[in-house]
C-alpha cells in the first residue's frame, strides 16, 4: 500500500520562521473547533498523521466527536516536502459514511502547504469537510476551514518539533 504517489518537486526554501508554542497552538485549535461548530454535524474525524493528531484531539473534545480515524501520509522530513506516500488508508467503515464519499466526516490536519497531501486525502473522502489550523496560499483552496494563513515562504515550527533544551545557569560557566 505504501506506494509513491508523486515525485518530489523542488520547493522554495522557507525564508521566515513562525514558531508556535503549545499555548498558542491549543488556542488556535480551539478556534478551529469554534469555527467548525456550525459546519457539522460530523459523525467522525479523520486526522492526517502525524501533524493532525493534536488538533484532531482538541477538535474532537470540543465538538464531542468520539469516532476518530487516521490516514497516514508521509510527505515531509523535518526540513522539506518530499515523496508523498500513503502509509495507512482510511478504514472502510469511515469511508462508508455519507454514501462512501465522506459526507459527515471531518478531516483535520495541522497545516495545508502545497495541497498535495490534502489532494490525496480528498480523493479518499471527496465530500468530507477538510479543516486545518494553518494554511499557505498554494494549498488554501484544498481546505474548507482554517484559522491562520501564513506566507508560502514561512516554515512553521510546531511545539512538537521543538524541544526544551537545558541551558546551564550563568554561574555554572564561571570557575
N, C-alpha and C. Protein backbone atom coordinates (compact mmCIF):
# COMPACT_ATOMS: atom_id res chain seq x y z
N UNK A 1 0.82 -1.19 0.00
CA UNK A 1 0.00 0.00 0.00
C UNK A 1 0.86 1.25 0.00
N UNK A 2 2.05 1.20 0.51
CA UNK A 2 2.89 2.39 0.62
C UNK A 2 3.57 2.69 -0.71
N UNK A 3 2.78 3.07 -1.68
CA UNK A 3 3.30 3.37 -3.00
C UNK A 3 3.45 4.86 -3.17
N UNK A 4 4.55 5.27 -3.84
CA UNK A 4 4.71 6.71 -4.07
C UNK A 4 3.60 7.22 -4.98
N UNK A 5 3.09 8.38 -4.66
CA UNK A 5 2.02 8.97 -5.45
C UNK A 5 2.51 10.08 -6.36
N UNK A 6 3.66 10.64 -6.05
CA UNK A 6 4.20 11.69 -6.91
C UNK A 6 5.69 11.82 -6.65
N UNK A 7 6.37 12.36 -7.60
CA UNK A 7 7.80 12.59 -7.46
C UNK A 7 8.02 13.89 -6.71
N UNK A 8 9.08 13.95 -5.91
CA UNK A 8 9.34 15.19 -5.20
C UNK A 8 9.60 16.35 -6.16
N UNK A 9 9.06 17.48 -5.81
CA UNK A 9 9.26 18.69 -6.60
C UNK A 9 10.11 19.65 -5.79
N UNK A 10 11.02 20.36 -6.44
CA UNK A 10 11.80 21.32 -5.67
C UNK A 10 10.88 22.38 -5.07
N UNK A 11 11.08 22.65 -3.81
CA UNK A 11 10.29 23.64 -3.10
C UNK A 11 11.16 24.82 -2.75
N UNK A 12 10.59 26.02 -2.78
CA UNK A 12 11.38 27.17 -2.33
C UNK A 12 11.72 27.00 -0.86
N UNK A 13 12.94 27.32 -0.51
CA UNK A 13 13.36 27.21 0.87
C UNK A 13 12.66 28.28 1.71
N UNK A 14 12.13 27.87 2.87
CA UNK A 14 11.46 28.85 3.72
C UNK A 14 12.41 29.97 4.13
N UNK A 15 11.91 31.18 4.06
CA UNK A 15 12.70 32.34 4.41
C UNK A 15 12.33 32.90 5.78
N UNK A 16 11.13 32.55 6.25
CA UNK A 16 10.64 33.10 7.51
C UNK A 16 10.33 31.95 8.47
N UNK A 17 10.56 32.19 9.74
CA UNK A 17 10.24 31.21 10.77
C UNK A 17 9.01 31.68 11.54
N UNK A 18 8.13 30.75 11.82
CA UNK A 18 6.91 31.03 12.59
C UNK A 18 6.83 29.99 13.71
N UNK A 19 7.48 30.26 14.86
CA UNK A 19 7.41 29.31 15.96
C UNK A 19 6.07 29.40 16.67
N UNK A 20 5.47 28.24 16.92
CA UNK A 20 4.18 28.17 17.60
C UNK A 20 4.37 27.35 18.87
N UNK A 21 4.08 27.95 20.01
CA UNK A 21 4.17 27.24 21.29
C UNK A 21 2.90 26.46 21.57
N UNK A 22 2.95 25.63 22.61
CA UNK A 22 1.80 24.81 22.98
C UNK A 22 0.56 25.65 23.29
N UNK A 23 0.71 26.72 24.03
CA UNK A 23 -0.44 27.54 24.39
C UNK A 23 -1.10 28.14 23.16
N UNK A 24 -0.28 28.68 22.26
CA UNK A 24 -0.83 29.27 21.04
C UNK A 24 -1.49 28.22 20.16
N UNK A 25 -0.86 27.06 20.03
CA UNK A 25 -1.45 26.00 19.20
C UNK A 25 -2.78 25.54 19.78
N UNK A 26 -2.84 25.41 21.09
CA UNK A 26 -4.10 25.00 21.72
C UNK A 26 -5.19 26.04 21.48
N UNK A 27 -4.85 27.31 21.62
CA UNK A 27 -5.84 28.38 21.33
C UNK A 27 -6.29 28.32 19.88
N UNK A 28 -5.35 28.12 18.96
CA UNK A 28 -5.70 28.07 17.54
C UNK A 28 -6.56 26.85 17.21
N UNK A 29 -6.25 25.71 17.81
CA UNK A 29 -7.06 24.50 17.57
C UNK A 29 -8.46 24.66 18.15
N UNK A 30 -8.58 25.31 19.30
CA UNK A 30 -9.91 25.58 19.87
C UNK A 30 -10.68 26.57 18.99
N UNK A 31 -9.98 27.54 18.43
CA UNK A 31 -10.62 28.48 17.50
C UNK A 31 -11.13 27.73 16.27
N UNK A 32 -10.36 26.74 15.83
CA UNK A 32 -10.80 25.91 14.70
C UNK A 32 -12.08 25.16 15.08
N UNK A 33 -12.12 24.59 16.26
CA UNK A 33 -13.32 23.88 16.71
C UNK A 33 -14.52 24.83 16.78
N UNK A 34 -14.29 26.01 17.29
CA UNK A 34 -15.36 27.01 17.37
C UNK A 34 -15.92 27.32 15.98
N UNK A 35 -15.02 27.50 15.03
CA UNK A 35 -15.44 27.79 13.65
C UNK A 35 -16.17 26.60 13.03
N UNK A 36 -15.78 25.39 13.41
CA UNK A 36 -16.39 24.18 12.84
C UNK A 36 -17.73 23.83 13.47
N UNK A 37 -18.01 24.39 14.63
CA UNK A 37 -19.22 24.03 15.36
C UNK A 37 -20.48 24.19 14.51
N UNK A 38 -20.51 25.17 13.65
CA UNK A 38 -21.68 25.38 12.81
C UNK A 38 -21.62 24.68 11.47
N UNK A 39 -20.52 24.02 11.17
CA UNK A 39 -20.35 23.38 9.86
C UNK A 39 -20.81 21.94 9.83
N UNK A 40 -21.05 21.34 10.99
CA UNK A 40 -21.41 19.93 11.08
C UNK A 40 -22.88 19.70 10.80
N UNK A 41 -23.42 18.64 11.33
CA UNK A 41 -22.80 17.75 12.31
C UNK A 41 -21.83 16.78 11.63
N UNK A 42 -20.85 16.37 12.40
CA UNK A 42 -19.86 15.42 11.93
C UNK A 42 -20.01 14.12 12.70
N UNK A 43 -19.99 13.01 11.97
CA UNK A 43 -20.11 11.70 12.59
C UNK A 43 -18.75 11.15 13.00
N UNK A 44 -17.68 11.61 12.34
CA UNK A 44 -16.34 11.09 12.61
C UNK A 44 -15.31 12.12 12.20
N UNK A 45 -14.12 11.97 12.79
CA UNK A 45 -12.96 12.77 12.40
C UNK A 45 -11.92 11.84 11.81
N UNK A 46 -11.33 12.27 10.72
CA UNK A 46 -10.16 11.60 10.17
C UNK A 46 -9.01 12.58 10.32
N UNK A 47 -8.01 12.20 11.09
CA UNK A 47 -6.87 13.10 11.24
C UNK A 47 -5.74 12.61 10.34
N UNK A 48 -5.07 13.56 9.73
CA UNK A 48 -3.94 13.27 8.86
C UNK A 48 -2.70 13.22 9.75
N UNK A 49 -2.11 12.05 9.84
CA UNK A 49 -0.96 11.91 10.73
C UNK A 49 0.32 12.28 10.00
N UNK A 50 1.18 12.82 10.84
CA UNK A 50 1.15 12.93 12.28
C UNK A 50 0.67 14.29 12.73
N UNK A 51 0.82 15.29 11.90
CA UNK A 51 0.50 16.66 12.32
C UNK A 51 -0.93 16.88 12.73
N UNK A 52 -1.86 16.11 12.20
CA UNK A 52 -3.26 16.29 12.54
C UNK A 52 -3.70 15.66 13.84
N UNK A 53 -2.83 14.86 14.47
CA UNK A 53 -3.23 14.17 15.70
C UNK A 53 -3.59 15.13 16.83
N UNK A 54 -2.75 16.10 17.08
CA UNK A 54 -3.00 17.02 18.20
C UNK A 54 -4.23 17.90 17.94
N UNK A 55 -4.33 18.58 16.80
CA UNK A 55 -5.54 19.39 16.61
C UNK A 55 -6.80 18.54 16.53
N UNK A 56 -6.71 17.33 16.00
CA UNK A 56 -7.91 16.47 15.94
C UNK A 56 -8.39 16.10 17.33
N UNK A 57 -7.46 15.85 18.25
CA UNK A 57 -7.85 15.53 19.62
C UNK A 57 -8.56 16.72 20.27
N UNK A 58 -8.06 17.90 20.03
CA UNK A 58 -8.67 19.10 20.61
C UNK A 58 -10.04 19.36 19.99
N UNK A 59 -10.13 19.27 18.67
CA UNK A 59 -11.41 19.48 17.99
C UNK A 59 -12.42 18.42 18.40
N UNK A 60 -11.99 17.16 18.49
CA UNK A 60 -12.89 16.08 18.89
C UNK A 60 -13.46 16.33 20.28
N UNK A 61 -12.62 16.78 21.20
CA UNK A 61 -13.08 17.07 22.55
C UNK A 61 -14.09 18.21 22.53
N UNK A 62 -13.76 19.28 21.83
CA UNK A 62 -14.63 20.47 21.82
C UNK A 62 -15.97 20.21 21.13
N UNK A 63 -15.98 19.36 20.11
CA UNK A 63 -17.22 19.10 19.37
C UNK A 63 -17.93 17.83 19.84
N UNK A 64 -17.34 17.11 20.80
CA UNK A 64 -17.98 15.91 21.31
C UNK A 64 -17.98 14.75 20.33
N UNK A 65 -16.98 14.67 19.48
CA UNK A 65 -16.89 13.59 18.50
C UNK A 65 -15.98 12.50 19.07
N UNK A 66 -16.48 11.26 19.08
CA UNK A 66 -15.71 10.17 19.67
C UNK A 66 -15.17 9.19 18.64
N UNK A 67 -15.68 9.22 17.44
CA UNK A 67 -15.21 8.31 16.39
C UNK A 67 -14.08 9.01 15.64
N UNK A 68 -12.85 8.53 15.89
CA UNK A 68 -11.66 9.18 15.34
C UNK A 68 -10.83 8.14 14.59
N UNK A 69 -10.44 8.47 13.39
CA UNK A 69 -9.67 7.59 12.50
C UNK A 69 -8.45 8.35 12.02
N UNK A 70 -7.48 7.64 11.50
CA UNK A 70 -6.30 8.28 10.92
C UNK A 70 -6.14 7.87 9.47
N UNK A 71 -5.55 8.77 8.72
CA UNK A 71 -4.98 8.44 7.42
C UNK A 71 -3.52 8.85 7.53
N UNK A 72 -2.64 7.92 7.24
CA UNK A 72 -1.22 8.16 7.46
C UNK A 72 -0.54 8.47 6.14
N UNK A 73 -0.13 9.71 6.00
CA UNK A 73 0.51 10.19 4.78
C UNK A 73 1.85 10.78 5.15
N UNK A 74 2.88 10.32 4.50
CA UNK A 74 4.22 10.86 4.74
C UNK A 74 4.60 11.72 3.56
N UNK A 75 4.90 12.99 3.86
CA UNK A 75 5.31 13.89 2.79
C UNK A 75 6.44 14.81 3.20
N UNK A 76 6.78 14.83 4.47
CA UNK A 76 7.80 15.74 4.97
C UNK A 76 8.85 14.96 5.73
N UNK A 77 10.10 15.40 5.60
CA UNK A 77 11.03 15.07 6.65
C UNK A 77 11.07 16.31 7.52
N UNK A 78 11.99 16.46 8.38
CA UNK A 78 11.97 17.62 9.27
C UNK A 78 12.39 18.92 8.59
N UNK A 79 12.75 18.86 7.31
CA UNK A 79 13.25 20.05 6.63
C UNK A 79 12.40 20.44 5.42
N UNK A 80 11.99 19.47 4.61
CA UNK A 80 11.30 19.83 3.36
C UNK A 80 10.31 18.75 2.94
N UNK A 81 9.45 19.15 2.01
CA UNK A 81 8.47 18.21 1.49
C UNK A 81 9.16 17.31 0.47
N UNK A 82 8.84 16.04 0.52
CA UNK A 82 9.46 15.08 -0.38
C UNK A 82 8.43 14.20 -1.04
N UNK A 83 8.81 12.96 -1.26
CA UNK A 83 7.95 12.00 -1.92
C UNK A 83 6.72 11.71 -1.06
N UNK A 84 5.56 11.70 -1.68
CA UNK A 84 4.30 11.51 -0.97
C UNK A 84 3.94 10.02 -0.95
N UNK A 85 3.65 9.49 0.24
CA UNK A 85 3.29 8.08 0.38
C UNK A 85 2.11 7.96 1.32
N UNK A 86 1.12 7.15 0.94
CA UNK A 86 0.03 6.80 1.84
C UNK A 86 0.47 5.54 2.57
N UNK A 87 0.70 5.67 3.87
CA UNK A 87 1.19 4.56 4.67
C UNK A 87 0.04 3.74 5.26
N UNK A 88 -1.11 4.39 5.50
CA UNK A 88 -2.30 3.73 6.02
C UNK A 88 -3.52 4.46 5.49
N UNK A 89 -4.41 3.72 4.88
CA UNK A 89 -5.63 4.28 4.31
C UNK A 89 -6.70 4.42 5.39
N UNK A 90 -7.79 5.07 5.05
CA UNK A 90 -8.92 5.25 5.96
C UNK A 90 -9.73 3.96 5.99
N UNK A 91 -10.17 3.56 7.19
CA UNK A 91 -10.96 2.34 7.35
C UNK A 91 -12.24 2.42 6.52
N UNK A 92 -12.63 1.27 5.98
CA UNK A 92 -13.82 1.20 5.14
C UNK A 92 -15.08 1.66 5.84
N UNK A 93 -15.18 1.43 7.15
CA UNK A 93 -16.37 1.86 7.88
C UNK A 93 -16.49 3.38 7.92
N UNK A 94 -15.37 4.08 7.90
CA UNK A 94 -15.39 5.54 7.88
C UNK A 94 -15.64 6.05 6.47
N UNK A 95 -15.00 5.43 5.50
CA UNK A 95 -15.23 5.81 4.10
C UNK A 95 -16.70 5.63 3.75
N UNK A 96 -17.35 4.63 4.34
CA UNK A 96 -18.76 4.34 4.05
C UNK A 96 -19.73 5.39 4.56
N UNK A 97 -19.27 6.25 5.47
CA UNK A 97 -20.15 7.31 5.98
C UNK A 97 -20.49 8.26 4.83
N UNK A 98 -21.72 8.66 4.76
CA UNK A 98 -22.13 9.61 3.72
C UNK A 98 -22.15 8.99 2.34
N UNK A 99 -22.50 7.71 2.27
CA UNK A 99 -22.62 7.05 0.97
C UNK A 99 -21.29 6.75 0.31
N UNK A 100 -20.22 6.67 1.09
CA UNK A 100 -18.92 6.32 0.53
C UNK A 100 -18.14 7.50 -0.01
N UNK A 101 -18.61 8.72 0.23
CA UNK A 101 -17.91 9.89 -0.28
C UNK A 101 -17.46 10.85 0.83
N UNK A 102 -17.75 10.48 2.09
CA UNK A 102 -17.25 11.26 3.21
C UNK A 102 -18.16 12.34 3.74
N UNK A 103 -19.36 12.46 3.22
CA UNK A 103 -20.27 13.47 3.77
C UNK A 103 -20.53 13.14 5.23
N UNK A 104 -20.34 14.14 6.11
CA UNK A 104 -20.49 13.92 7.54
C UNK A 104 -19.19 13.57 8.24
N UNK A 105 -18.09 13.56 7.48
CA UNK A 105 -16.77 13.28 8.04
C UNK A 105 -15.97 14.59 8.05
N UNK A 106 -15.24 14.80 9.12
CA UNK A 106 -14.36 15.96 9.25
C UNK A 106 -12.92 15.48 9.15
N UNK A 107 -12.16 16.05 8.23
CA UNK A 107 -10.73 15.77 8.11
C UNK A 107 -9.99 16.91 8.79
N UNK A 108 -9.02 16.57 9.65
CA UNK A 108 -8.27 17.58 10.39
C UNK A 108 -6.78 17.37 10.18
N UNK A 109 -6.08 18.46 9.89
CA UNK A 109 -4.62 18.45 9.79
C UNK A 109 -4.10 19.73 10.42
N UNK A 110 -2.82 19.75 10.71
CA UNK A 110 -2.23 20.96 11.30
C UNK A 110 -2.05 22.06 10.27
N UNK A 111 -1.69 21.67 9.04
CA UNK A 111 -1.28 22.64 8.03
C UNK A 111 -1.59 22.13 6.64
N UNK A 112 -2.04 23.01 5.77
CA UNK A 112 -2.05 22.71 4.34
C UNK A 112 -0.98 23.61 3.74
N UNK A 113 -0.02 22.99 3.05
CA UNK A 113 1.12 23.71 2.49
C UNK A 113 0.94 23.82 0.98
N UNK A 114 1.41 22.84 0.24
CA UNK A 114 1.26 22.88 -1.22
C UNK A 114 -0.10 22.33 -1.66
N UNK A 115 -0.77 21.60 -0.78
CA UNK A 115 -2.05 20.98 -1.11
C UNK A 115 -1.93 19.56 -1.61
N UNK A 116 -0.72 19.05 -1.74
CA UNK A 116 -0.54 17.69 -2.27
C UNK A 116 -1.11 16.63 -1.34
N UNK A 117 -0.83 16.73 -0.06
CA UNK A 117 -1.38 15.77 0.90
C UNK A 117 -2.90 15.90 0.93
N UNK A 118 -3.40 17.10 0.99
CA UNK A 118 -4.85 17.33 1.02
C UNK A 118 -5.52 16.74 -0.22
N UNK A 119 -4.89 16.84 -1.36
CA UNK A 119 -5.45 16.29 -2.60
C UNK A 119 -5.62 14.78 -2.50
N UNK A 120 -4.62 14.11 -1.96
CA UNK A 120 -4.68 12.66 -1.81
C UNK A 120 -5.81 12.27 -0.85
N UNK A 121 -5.92 12.98 0.26
CA UNK A 121 -6.95 12.66 1.25
C UNK A 121 -8.33 13.00 0.69
N UNK A 122 -8.44 14.08 -0.03
CA UNK A 122 -9.73 14.46 -0.66
C UNK A 122 -10.18 13.41 -1.67
N UNK A 123 -9.25 12.74 -2.33
CA UNK A 123 -9.62 11.68 -3.27
C UNK A 123 -10.27 10.51 -2.53
N UNK A 124 -9.86 10.27 -1.30
CA UNK A 124 -10.44 9.19 -0.50
C UNK A 124 -11.82 9.58 0.01
N UNK A 125 -11.96 10.83 0.46
CA UNK A 125 -13.21 11.34 1.05
C UNK A 125 -13.59 12.67 0.38
N UNK A 126 -14.06 12.63 -0.85
CA UNK A 126 -14.27 13.87 -1.61
C UNK A 126 -15.32 14.82 -1.05
N UNK A 127 -16.28 14.33 -0.27
CA UNK A 127 -17.32 15.22 0.26
C UNK A 127 -17.13 15.53 1.74
N UNK A 128 -15.99 15.13 2.31
CA UNK A 128 -15.71 15.44 3.71
C UNK A 128 -15.39 16.92 3.84
N UNK A 129 -15.53 17.43 5.04
CA UNK A 129 -15.16 18.81 5.35
C UNK A 129 -13.71 18.78 5.81
N UNK A 130 -12.85 19.51 5.13
CA UNK A 130 -11.41 19.49 5.43
C UNK A 130 -11.04 20.76 6.18
N UNK A 131 -10.43 20.60 7.36
CA UNK A 131 -10.07 21.75 8.19
C UNK A 131 -8.61 21.64 8.63
N UNK A 132 -7.93 22.77 8.61
CA UNK A 132 -6.56 22.83 9.11
C UNK A 132 -6.43 24.05 10.02
N UNK A 133 -5.44 23.98 10.88
CA UNK A 133 -5.20 25.12 11.76
C UNK A 133 -4.54 26.23 10.96
N UNK A 134 -3.54 25.87 10.15
CA UNK A 134 -2.80 26.86 9.37
C UNK A 134 -2.90 26.52 7.89
N UNK A 135 -2.80 27.54 7.04
CA UNK A 135 -2.88 27.35 5.60
C UNK A 135 -1.88 28.26 4.90
N UNK A 136 -1.25 27.71 3.86
CA UNK A 136 -0.39 28.51 2.99
C UNK A 136 -1.13 28.71 1.67
N UNK A 137 -0.81 29.76 0.94
CA UNK A 137 -1.57 30.11 -0.26
C UNK A 137 -1.67 28.99 -1.31
N UNK A 138 -0.62 28.22 -1.53
CA UNK A 138 -0.68 27.18 -2.57
C UNK A 138 -1.71 26.10 -2.26
N UNK A 139 -1.96 25.82 -0.99
CA UNK A 139 -2.88 24.74 -0.64
C UNK A 139 -4.20 25.20 -0.07
N UNK A 140 -4.33 26.49 0.13
CA UNK A 140 -5.53 27.02 0.79
C UNK A 140 -6.83 26.60 0.11
N UNK A 141 -6.84 26.51 -1.19
CA UNK A 141 -8.05 26.14 -1.93
C UNK A 141 -8.49 24.69 -1.66
N UNK A 142 -7.61 23.88 -1.08
CA UNK A 142 -7.92 22.48 -0.83
C UNK A 142 -8.69 22.26 0.47
N UNK A 143 -8.75 23.28 1.34
CA UNK A 143 -9.43 23.10 2.62
C UNK A 143 -10.66 23.99 2.69
N UNK A 144 -11.61 23.55 3.50
CA UNK A 144 -12.85 24.29 3.68
C UNK A 144 -12.75 25.32 4.80
N UNK A 145 -11.98 24.99 5.83
CA UNK A 145 -11.89 25.85 7.01
C UNK A 145 -10.45 25.86 7.51
N UNK A 146 -9.96 27.03 7.87
CA UNK A 146 -8.66 27.15 8.52
C UNK A 146 -8.71 28.37 9.42
N UNK A 147 -7.70 28.51 10.27
CA UNK A 147 -7.67 29.63 11.21
C UNK A 147 -6.71 30.71 10.77
N UNK A 148 -5.46 30.36 10.48
CA UNK A 148 -4.44 31.37 10.19
C UNK A 148 -3.74 31.06 8.88
N UNK A 149 -3.62 32.08 8.04
CA UNK A 149 -2.85 31.92 6.80
C UNK A 149 -1.45 32.49 7.02
N UNK A 150 -0.47 31.74 6.55
CA UNK A 150 0.92 32.19 6.59
C UNK A 150 1.46 32.17 5.16
N UNK A 151 2.47 32.97 4.90
CA UNK A 151 3.03 33.04 3.55
C UNK A 151 3.68 31.72 3.16
N UNK A 152 3.78 31.49 1.87
CA UNK A 152 4.33 30.24 1.35
C UNK A 152 5.78 30.04 1.77
N UNK A 153 6.52 31.12 1.97
CA UNK A 153 7.93 31.01 2.32
C UNK A 153 8.17 30.98 3.83
N UNK A 154 7.14 30.63 4.58
CA UNK A 154 7.25 30.54 6.04
C UNK A 154 7.31 29.08 6.47
N UNK A 155 8.23 28.77 7.37
CA UNK A 155 8.30 27.44 7.96
C UNK A 155 7.71 27.53 9.36
N UNK A 156 6.68 26.73 9.61
CA UNK A 156 6.05 26.73 10.92
C UNK A 156 6.77 25.72 11.80
N UNK A 157 7.24 26.17 12.94
CA UNK A 157 7.86 25.29 13.92
C UNK A 157 6.79 24.96 14.96
N UNK A 158 6.23 23.75 14.87
CA UNK A 158 5.20 23.32 15.79
C UNK A 158 5.82 22.95 17.13
N UNK A 159 5.02 23.00 18.20
CA UNK A 159 5.59 22.74 19.52
C UNK A 159 6.20 21.34 19.65
N UNK A 160 5.68 20.36 18.91
CA UNK A 160 6.23 19.01 18.99
C UNK A 160 7.51 18.86 18.17
N UNK A 161 7.82 19.86 17.36
CA UNK A 161 9.06 19.83 16.58
C UNK A 161 10.21 20.51 17.29
N UNK A 162 9.91 21.23 18.32
CA UNK A 162 10.95 21.94 19.06
C UNK A 162 11.02 21.35 20.45
N UNK A 163 12.19 21.28 20.97
CA UNK A 163 12.35 20.69 22.29
C UNK A 163 12.85 21.72 23.28
N UNK A 164 12.60 21.42 24.51
CA UNK A 164 13.15 22.25 25.55
C UNK A 164 14.57 21.78 25.81
N UNK A 165 15.48 22.68 25.75
CA UNK A 165 16.88 22.32 25.96
C UNK A 165 17.33 22.88 27.30
N UNK A 166 18.10 22.09 28.00
CA UNK A 166 18.66 22.55 29.27
C UNK A 166 19.77 23.54 28.97
N UNK A 167 19.68 24.67 29.59
CA UNK A 167 20.73 25.69 29.49
C UNK A 167 21.25 25.89 30.91
N UNK A 168 22.54 25.64 31.11
CA UNK A 168 23.07 25.78 32.47
C UNK A 168 23.01 27.22 32.93
N UNK A 169 22.84 27.43 34.23
CA UNK A 169 22.83 28.79 34.75
C UNK A 169 24.15 29.49 34.46
N UNK A 170 24.08 30.80 34.37
CA UNK A 170 25.28 31.59 34.08
C UNK A 170 26.39 31.30 35.08
N UNK A 171 26.02 31.18 36.34
CA UNK A 171 27.03 30.97 37.38
C UNK A 171 27.79 29.67 37.19
N UNK A 172 27.17 28.64 36.51
CA UNK A 172 27.87 27.37 36.30
C UNK A 172 29.00 27.50 35.28
N UNK A 173 28.95 28.53 34.46
CA UNK A 173 30.01 28.73 33.47
C UNK A 173 31.21 29.44 34.08
N UNK A 174 31.04 29.97 35.26
CA UNK A 174 32.14 30.69 35.92
C UNK A 174 32.94 29.72 36.80
N UNK A 175 34.21 29.79 36.68
CA UNK A 175 35.07 28.96 37.55
C UNK A 175 36.07 29.80 38.27
